[in-house]
């Protein structure tokens, strides 16, 4: 792959807080990735369409509202239906530890909770997308 890793950062649902998502987006950009930030209040359908349209390698869903067990499965299902089931799906935000195994069973590659190191995210995305590791 000669082009930069393309990552969609999305804020699904009604959560109106995006400072963390913007920090992650800037940090990934500074690490050499191409970032597409969707903005607030995105539906799963809008997110999946953006991932497909932008030919993204990964999508990061930032959720603070507690609706992760409703929104994330919908995004994953839509990506699979659009033939983008190979896109790396990550979730970040206030996710209870008890929900992490269920999210991973759905196809989420990794869950980053508050305080996760940025370099760990960069390394995870790079190794997952580029196959290094």
N, C-alpha and C. Protein backbone atom coordinates (compact mmCIF):
# COMPACT_ATOMS: atom_id res chain seq x y z
N UNK A 1 0.86 -1.18 0.00
CA UNK A 1 0.00 0.00 0.00
C UNK A 1 0.90 1.24 0.00
N UNK A 2 0.79 2.04 -1.04
CA UNK A 2 1.63 3.23 -1.17
C UNK A 2 1.00 4.47 -0.58
N UNK A 3 -0.29 4.47 -0.43
CA UNK A 3 -0.97 5.67 0.08
C UNK A 3 -1.06 5.63 1.61
N UNK A 4 -1.32 6.78 2.21
CA UNK A 4 -1.49 6.79 3.67
C UNK A 4 -2.70 5.96 4.09
N UNK A 5 -2.67 5.46 5.29
CA UNK A 5 -3.82 4.75 5.85
C UNK A 5 -4.96 5.76 5.99
N UNK A 6 -6.14 5.38 5.51
CA UNK A 6 -7.32 6.26 5.55
C UNK A 6 -8.23 5.81 6.68
N UNK A 7 -8.52 6.74 7.60
CA UNK A 7 -9.33 6.44 8.77
C UNK A 7 -10.50 7.41 8.85
N UNK A 8 -11.70 6.87 8.93
CA UNK A 8 -12.89 7.68 9.19
C UNK A 8 -13.08 7.73 10.70
N UNK A 9 -13.21 8.93 11.24
CA UNK A 9 -13.55 9.11 12.65
C UNK A 9 -14.98 9.62 12.69
N UNK A 10 -15.84 8.90 13.40
CA UNK A 10 -17.27 9.21 13.37
C UNK A 10 -17.87 9.29 14.77
N UNK A 11 -18.84 10.14 14.92
CA UNK A 11 -19.59 10.32 16.16
C UNK A 11 -21.04 9.89 15.91
N UNK A 12 -21.34 8.61 16.12
CA UNK A 12 -22.71 8.16 15.87
C UNK A 12 -23.67 8.57 16.97
N UNK A 13 -24.91 8.73 16.61
CA UNK A 13 -25.96 8.98 17.60
C UNK A 13 -26.06 10.43 18.02
N UNK A 14 -26.64 10.62 19.19
CA UNK A 14 -26.99 11.96 19.65
C UNK A 14 -25.94 12.60 20.55
N UNK A 15 -24.86 11.91 20.81
CA UNK A 15 -23.79 12.45 21.65
C UNK A 15 -23.26 13.74 21.03
N UNK A 16 -23.19 14.79 21.80
CA UNK A 16 -22.74 16.08 21.30
C UNK A 16 -21.35 16.47 21.70
N UNK A 17 -20.58 15.56 22.26
CA UNK A 17 -19.23 15.87 22.73
C UNK A 17 -18.22 15.25 21.78
N UNK A 18 -17.42 16.11 21.13
CA UNK A 18 -16.49 15.57 20.15
C UNK A 18 -15.04 15.99 20.36
N UNK A 19 -14.73 16.57 21.51
CA UNK A 19 -13.35 17.01 21.75
C UNK A 19 -12.37 15.83 21.65
N UNK A 20 -12.71 14.72 22.30
CA UNK A 20 -11.83 13.55 22.26
C UNK A 20 -11.65 13.02 20.85
N UNK A 21 -12.73 12.98 20.08
CA UNK A 21 -12.64 12.49 18.70
C UNK A 21 -11.74 13.39 17.86
N UNK A 22 -11.82 14.69 18.10
CA UNK A 22 -10.98 15.63 17.36
C UNK A 22 -9.51 15.49 17.75
N UNK A 23 -9.26 15.23 19.02
CA UNK A 23 -7.87 15.01 19.47
C UNK A 23 -7.30 13.75 18.82
N UNK A 24 -8.09 12.69 18.81
CA UNK A 24 -7.65 11.44 18.17
C UNK A 24 -7.41 11.68 16.69
N UNK A 25 -8.34 12.37 16.03
CA UNK A 25 -8.20 12.64 14.60
C UNK A 25 -6.90 13.40 14.31
N UNK A 26 -6.63 14.43 15.08
CA UNK A 26 -5.39 15.21 14.87
C UNK A 26 -4.15 14.36 15.13
N UNK A 27 -4.21 13.55 16.17
CA UNK A 27 -3.06 12.71 16.51
C UNK A 27 -2.77 11.68 15.42
N UNK A 28 -3.81 11.07 14.89
CA UNK A 28 -3.62 10.10 13.82
C UNK A 28 -3.12 10.80 12.56
N UNK A 29 -3.64 11.99 12.29
CA UNK A 29 -3.16 12.78 11.14
C UNK A 29 -1.67 13.09 11.32
N UNK A 30 -1.29 13.51 12.52
CA UNK A 30 0.11 13.83 12.79
C UNK A 30 1.01 12.61 12.65
N UNK A 31 0.43 11.42 12.80
CA UNK A 31 1.19 10.17 12.63
C UNK A 31 1.26 9.74 11.17
N UNK A 32 0.70 10.56 10.27
CA UNK A 32 0.81 10.28 8.84
C UNK A 32 -0.41 9.65 8.21
N UNK A 33 -1.48 9.51 8.96
CA UNK A 33 -2.70 8.92 8.40
C UNK A 33 -3.58 10.00 7.79
N UNK A 34 -4.39 9.59 6.84
CA UNK A 34 -5.36 10.50 6.23
C UNK A 34 -6.67 10.33 7.00
N UNK A 35 -7.20 11.42 7.53
CA UNK A 35 -8.37 11.36 8.40
C UNK A 35 -9.57 12.01 7.74
N UNK A 36 -10.69 11.34 7.83
CA UNK A 36 -11.97 11.88 7.39
C UNK A 36 -12.83 11.95 8.64
N UNK A 37 -13.12 13.16 9.10
CA UNK A 37 -13.94 13.34 10.31
C UNK A 37 -15.36 13.67 9.87
N UNK A 38 -16.32 12.90 10.34
CA UNK A 38 -17.71 13.05 9.86
C UNK A 38 -18.50 14.12 10.58
N UNK A 39 -18.04 14.54 11.75
CA UNK A 39 -18.82 15.50 12.52
C UNK A 39 -19.80 14.78 13.44
N UNK A 40 -20.59 15.58 14.13
CA UNK A 40 -21.53 15.07 15.14
C UNK A 40 -22.80 14.50 14.52
N UNK A 41 -23.48 13.69 15.33
CA UNK A 41 -24.85 13.22 15.05
C UNK A 41 -24.99 12.43 13.75
N UNK A 42 -24.07 11.53 13.52
CA UNK A 42 -24.11 10.71 12.31
C UNK A 42 -24.93 9.44 12.55
N UNK A 43 -25.70 9.06 11.57
CA UNK A 43 -26.43 7.80 11.65
C UNK A 43 -25.49 6.67 11.21
N UNK A 44 -25.79 5.45 11.62
CA UNK A 44 -24.98 4.33 11.13
C UNK A 44 -24.93 4.27 9.60
N UNK A 45 -26.04 4.60 8.97
CA UNK A 45 -26.08 4.60 7.50
C UNK A 45 -25.13 5.63 6.91
N UNK A 46 -25.10 6.83 7.49
CA UNK A 46 -24.18 7.86 7.02
C UNK A 46 -22.73 7.45 7.21
N UNK A 47 -22.45 6.83 8.35
CA UNK A 47 -21.07 6.41 8.63
C UNK A 47 -20.63 5.34 7.64
N UNK A 48 -21.45 4.32 7.45
CA UNK A 48 -21.09 3.24 6.52
C UNK A 48 -20.91 3.80 5.11
N UNK A 49 -21.79 4.70 4.69
CA UNK A 49 -21.66 5.30 3.36
C UNK A 49 -20.36 6.07 3.23
N UNK A 50 -19.97 6.80 4.25
CA UNK A 50 -18.72 7.56 4.22
C UNK A 50 -17.53 6.62 4.12
N UNK A 51 -17.53 5.56 4.91
CA UNK A 51 -16.43 4.58 4.88
C UNK A 51 -16.27 4.01 3.48
N UNK A 52 -17.38 3.63 2.86
CA UNK A 52 -17.33 3.05 1.52
C UNK A 52 -16.90 4.10 0.49
N UNK A 53 -17.52 5.27 0.55
CA UNK A 53 -17.22 6.34 -0.41
C UNK A 53 -15.76 6.79 -0.33
N UNK A 54 -15.22 6.84 0.87
CA UNK A 54 -13.84 7.31 1.06
C UNK A 54 -12.81 6.18 0.92
N UNK A 55 -13.27 4.96 0.67
CA UNK A 55 -12.38 3.81 0.55
C UNK A 55 -11.46 3.72 1.77
N UNK A 56 -12.07 3.83 2.95
CA UNK A 56 -11.31 3.85 4.20
C UNK A 56 -10.77 2.47 4.55
N UNK A 57 -9.63 2.49 5.22
CA UNK A 57 -9.03 1.26 5.73
C UNK A 57 -9.56 0.93 7.12
N UNK A 58 -9.99 1.98 7.84
CA UNK A 58 -10.43 1.82 9.23
C UNK A 58 -11.48 2.87 9.55
N UNK A 59 -12.29 2.55 10.56
CA UNK A 59 -13.26 3.51 11.09
C UNK A 59 -13.19 3.47 12.60
N UNK A 60 -13.14 4.65 13.19
CA UNK A 60 -13.16 4.78 14.64
C UNK A 60 -14.47 5.42 15.05
N UNK A 61 -15.23 4.72 15.87
CA UNK A 61 -16.51 5.22 16.35
C UNK A 61 -16.33 5.74 17.77
N UNK A 62 -16.56 7.02 17.96
CA UNK A 62 -16.41 7.64 19.27
C UNK A 62 -17.79 7.78 19.90
N UNK A 63 -17.98 7.07 21.03
CA UNK A 63 -19.31 7.04 21.65
C UNK A 63 -19.19 7.29 23.15
N UNK A 64 -19.88 8.31 23.60
CA UNK A 64 -19.92 8.64 25.02
C UNK A 64 -21.32 8.52 25.59
N UNK A 65 -22.30 8.25 24.74
CA UNK A 65 -23.71 8.32 25.13
C UNK A 65 -24.26 7.06 25.78
N UNK A 66 -23.53 5.95 25.69
CA UNK A 66 -24.03 4.69 26.22
C UNK A 66 -24.82 3.88 25.19
N UNK A 67 -24.90 4.36 23.95
CA UNK A 67 -25.68 3.68 22.92
C UNK A 67 -24.83 2.75 22.06
N UNK A 68 -23.65 2.40 22.53
CA UNK A 68 -22.71 1.61 21.73
C UNK A 68 -23.26 0.23 21.35
N UNK A 69 -24.04 -0.41 22.20
CA UNK A 69 -24.54 -1.75 21.90
C UNK A 69 -25.68 -1.73 20.88
N UNK A 70 -26.17 -0.55 20.57
CA UNK A 70 -27.18 -0.39 19.51
C UNK A 70 -26.53 0.11 18.23
N UNK A 71 -25.68 1.12 18.35
CA UNK A 71 -25.11 1.78 17.17
C UNK A 71 -24.00 0.96 16.50
N UNK A 72 -23.11 0.40 17.28
CA UNK A 72 -21.97 -0.31 16.70
C UNK A 72 -22.40 -1.53 15.88
N UNK A 73 -23.29 -2.39 16.39
CA UNK A 73 -23.71 -3.53 15.56
C UNK A 73 -24.33 -3.10 14.23
N UNK A 74 -25.06 -2.00 14.25
CA UNK A 74 -25.68 -1.50 13.01
C UNK A 74 -24.61 -1.08 12.01
N UNK A 75 -23.60 -0.35 12.48
CA UNK A 75 -22.52 0.07 11.58
C UNK A 75 -21.80 -1.15 11.01
N UNK A 76 -21.47 -2.10 11.85
CA UNK A 76 -20.77 -3.32 11.40
C UNK A 76 -21.62 -4.06 10.36
N UNK A 77 -22.90 -4.23 10.64
CA UNK A 77 -23.80 -4.92 9.69
C UNK A 77 -23.87 -4.19 8.34
N UNK A 78 -23.96 -2.87 8.40
CA UNK A 78 -24.03 -2.08 7.16
C UNK A 78 -22.73 -2.17 6.36
N UNK A 79 -21.60 -2.16 7.05
CA UNK A 79 -20.33 -2.29 6.34
C UNK A 79 -20.24 -3.65 5.64
N UNK A 80 -20.66 -4.69 6.32
CA UNK A 80 -20.65 -6.02 5.71
C UNK A 80 -21.58 -6.07 4.51
N UNK A 81 -22.76 -5.47 4.64
CA UNK A 81 -23.73 -5.46 3.55
C UNK A 81 -23.21 -4.69 2.33
N UNK A 82 -22.36 -3.71 2.57
CA UNK A 82 -21.79 -2.89 1.49
C UNK A 82 -20.50 -3.48 0.93
N UNK A 83 -20.12 -4.67 1.41
CA UNK A 83 -18.89 -5.29 0.93
C UNK A 83 -17.64 -4.72 1.57
N UNK A 84 -17.79 -4.02 2.69
CA UNK A 84 -16.66 -3.41 3.38
C UNK A 84 -16.42 -4.07 4.74
N UNK A 85 -16.70 -5.34 4.81
CA UNK A 85 -16.53 -6.06 6.06
C UNK A 85 -15.08 -6.21 6.49
N UNK A 86 -14.14 -5.90 5.58
CA UNK A 86 -12.72 -6.00 5.92
C UNK A 86 -12.18 -4.70 6.52
N UNK A 87 -13.00 -3.66 6.61
CA UNK A 87 -12.57 -2.40 7.21
C UNK A 87 -12.37 -2.60 8.71
N UNK A 88 -11.26 -2.12 9.22
CA UNK A 88 -10.94 -2.22 10.64
C UNK A 88 -11.90 -1.32 11.42
N UNK A 89 -12.67 -1.90 12.33
CA UNK A 89 -13.63 -1.14 13.14
C UNK A 89 -13.11 -1.04 14.56
N UNK A 90 -13.02 0.20 15.04
CA UNK A 90 -12.58 0.45 16.41
C UNK A 90 -13.63 1.31 17.10
N UNK A 91 -13.73 1.15 18.41
CA UNK A 91 -14.66 1.94 19.21
C UNK A 91 -13.88 2.61 20.31
N UNK A 92 -14.20 3.85 20.57
CA UNK A 92 -13.57 4.58 21.65
C UNK A 92 -14.61 5.33 22.44
N UNK A 93 -14.29 5.57 23.70
CA UNK A 93 -15.22 6.33 24.54
C UNK A 93 -15.48 5.63 25.85
N UNK A 94 -16.57 6.00 26.46
CA UNK A 94 -16.93 5.43 27.76
C UNK A 94 -17.69 4.13 27.55
N UNK A 95 -16.94 3.08 27.40
CA UNK A 95 -17.49 1.75 27.14
C UNK A 95 -17.25 0.90 28.38
N UNK A 96 -18.31 0.40 29.00
CA UNK A 96 -18.11 -0.47 30.17
C UNK A 96 -17.30 -1.72 29.80
N UNK A 97 -16.40 -2.10 30.68
CA UNK A 97 -15.55 -3.28 30.42
C UNK A 97 -16.38 -4.53 30.10
N UNK A 98 -17.53 -4.66 30.73
CA UNK A 98 -18.36 -5.84 30.49
C UNK A 98 -18.90 -5.91 29.06
N UNK A 99 -18.94 -4.78 28.36
CA UNK A 99 -19.46 -4.75 26.99
C UNK A 99 -18.37 -5.01 25.94
N UNK A 100 -17.11 -4.93 26.33
CA UNK A 100 -16.02 -5.06 25.36
C UNK A 100 -16.01 -6.43 24.68
N UNK A 101 -16.14 -7.55 25.41
CA UNK A 101 -16.16 -8.85 24.71
C UNK A 101 -17.30 -8.97 23.70
N UNK A 102 -18.46 -8.45 24.02
CA UNK A 102 -19.60 -8.52 23.08
C UNK A 102 -19.31 -7.70 21.83
N UNK A 103 -18.70 -6.54 21.99
CA UNK A 103 -18.35 -5.72 20.83
C UNK A 103 -17.32 -6.43 19.95
N UNK A 104 -16.37 -7.08 20.57
CA UNK A 104 -15.36 -7.81 19.80
C UNK A 104 -15.97 -9.00 19.06
N UNK A 105 -16.94 -9.65 19.69
CA UNK A 105 -17.64 -10.76 19.02
C UNK A 105 -18.38 -10.28 17.78
N UNK A 106 -18.86 -9.04 17.82
CA UNK A 106 -19.56 -8.46 16.68
C UNK A 106 -18.63 -8.13 15.52
N UNK A 107 -17.33 -8.05 15.79
CA UNK A 107 -16.38 -7.73 14.74
C UNK A 107 -15.56 -6.49 15.00
N UNK A 108 -15.71 -5.89 16.16
CA UNK A 108 -14.89 -4.73 16.51
C UNK A 108 -13.47 -5.22 16.79
N UNK A 109 -12.50 -4.59 16.15
CA UNK A 109 -11.11 -5.04 16.30
C UNK A 109 -10.53 -4.65 17.64
N UNK A 110 -10.87 -3.43 18.12
CA UNK A 110 -10.34 -2.97 19.39
C UNK A 110 -11.24 -1.90 19.98
N UNK A 111 -11.23 -1.84 21.31
CA UNK A 111 -11.97 -0.83 22.05
C UNK A 111 -10.97 -0.03 22.87
N UNK A 112 -10.98 1.28 22.67
CA UNK A 112 -10.08 2.18 23.40
C UNK A 112 -10.90 2.99 24.39
N UNK A 113 -10.62 2.80 25.65
CA UNK A 113 -11.35 3.51 26.70
C UNK A 113 -10.58 4.77 27.10
N UNK A 114 -11.20 5.65 27.87
CA UNK A 114 -10.52 6.89 28.26
C UNK A 114 -9.15 6.61 28.88
N UNK A 115 -8.19 7.41 28.45
CA UNK A 115 -6.83 7.26 28.96
C UNK A 115 -5.94 6.35 28.12
N UNK A 116 -6.51 5.72 27.09
CA UNK A 116 -5.70 4.86 26.22
C UNK A 116 -4.62 5.71 25.56
N UNK A 117 -3.39 5.21 25.51
CA UNK A 117 -2.31 5.99 24.90
C UNK A 117 -2.48 6.14 23.39
N UNK A 118 -2.26 7.34 22.91
CA UNK A 118 -2.39 7.64 21.48
C UNK A 118 -1.44 6.76 20.67
N UNK A 119 -0.21 6.61 21.14
CA UNK A 119 0.75 5.81 20.37
C UNK A 119 0.29 4.37 20.24
N UNK A 120 -0.40 3.87 21.26
CA UNK A 120 -0.96 2.52 21.17
C UNK A 120 -2.00 2.42 20.07
N UNK A 121 -2.79 3.47 19.90
CA UNK A 121 -3.79 3.49 18.82
C UNK A 121 -3.10 3.53 17.46
N UNK A 122 -2.10 4.39 17.34
CA UNK A 122 -1.35 4.50 16.08
C UNK A 122 -0.73 3.16 15.73
N UNK A 123 -0.07 2.53 16.69
CA UNK A 123 0.58 1.25 16.45
C UNK A 123 -0.43 0.17 16.08
N UNK A 124 -1.57 0.15 16.78
CA UNK A 124 -2.60 -0.86 16.49
C UNK A 124 -3.12 -0.70 15.08
N UNK A 125 -3.46 0.52 14.69
CA UNK A 125 -4.00 0.75 13.34
C UNK A 125 -2.96 0.39 12.29
N UNK A 126 -1.74 0.86 12.49
CA UNK A 126 -0.68 0.59 11.51
C UNK A 126 -0.44 -0.89 11.35
N UNK A 127 -0.30 -1.60 12.45
CA UNK A 127 -0.02 -3.04 12.34
C UNK A 127 -1.21 -3.82 11.78
N UNK A 128 -2.41 -3.40 12.12
CA UNK A 128 -3.61 -4.09 11.63
C UNK A 128 -3.82 -3.87 10.14
N UNK A 129 -3.61 -2.64 9.69
CA UNK A 129 -3.86 -2.31 8.29
C UNK A 129 -2.70 -2.74 7.40
N UNK A 130 -1.50 -2.50 7.86
CA UNK A 130 -0.32 -2.80 7.05
C UNK A 130 0.18 -4.24 7.22
N UNK A 131 -0.33 -4.92 8.25
CA UNK A 131 0.09 -6.28 8.49
C UNK A 131 1.47 -6.41 9.10
N UNK A 132 1.89 -5.33 9.77
CA UNK A 132 3.18 -5.37 10.44
C UNK A 132 2.95 -5.79 11.88
N UNK A 133 3.97 -6.18 12.54
CA UNK A 133 3.70 -6.38 13.88
C UNK A 133 4.48 -7.12 14.76
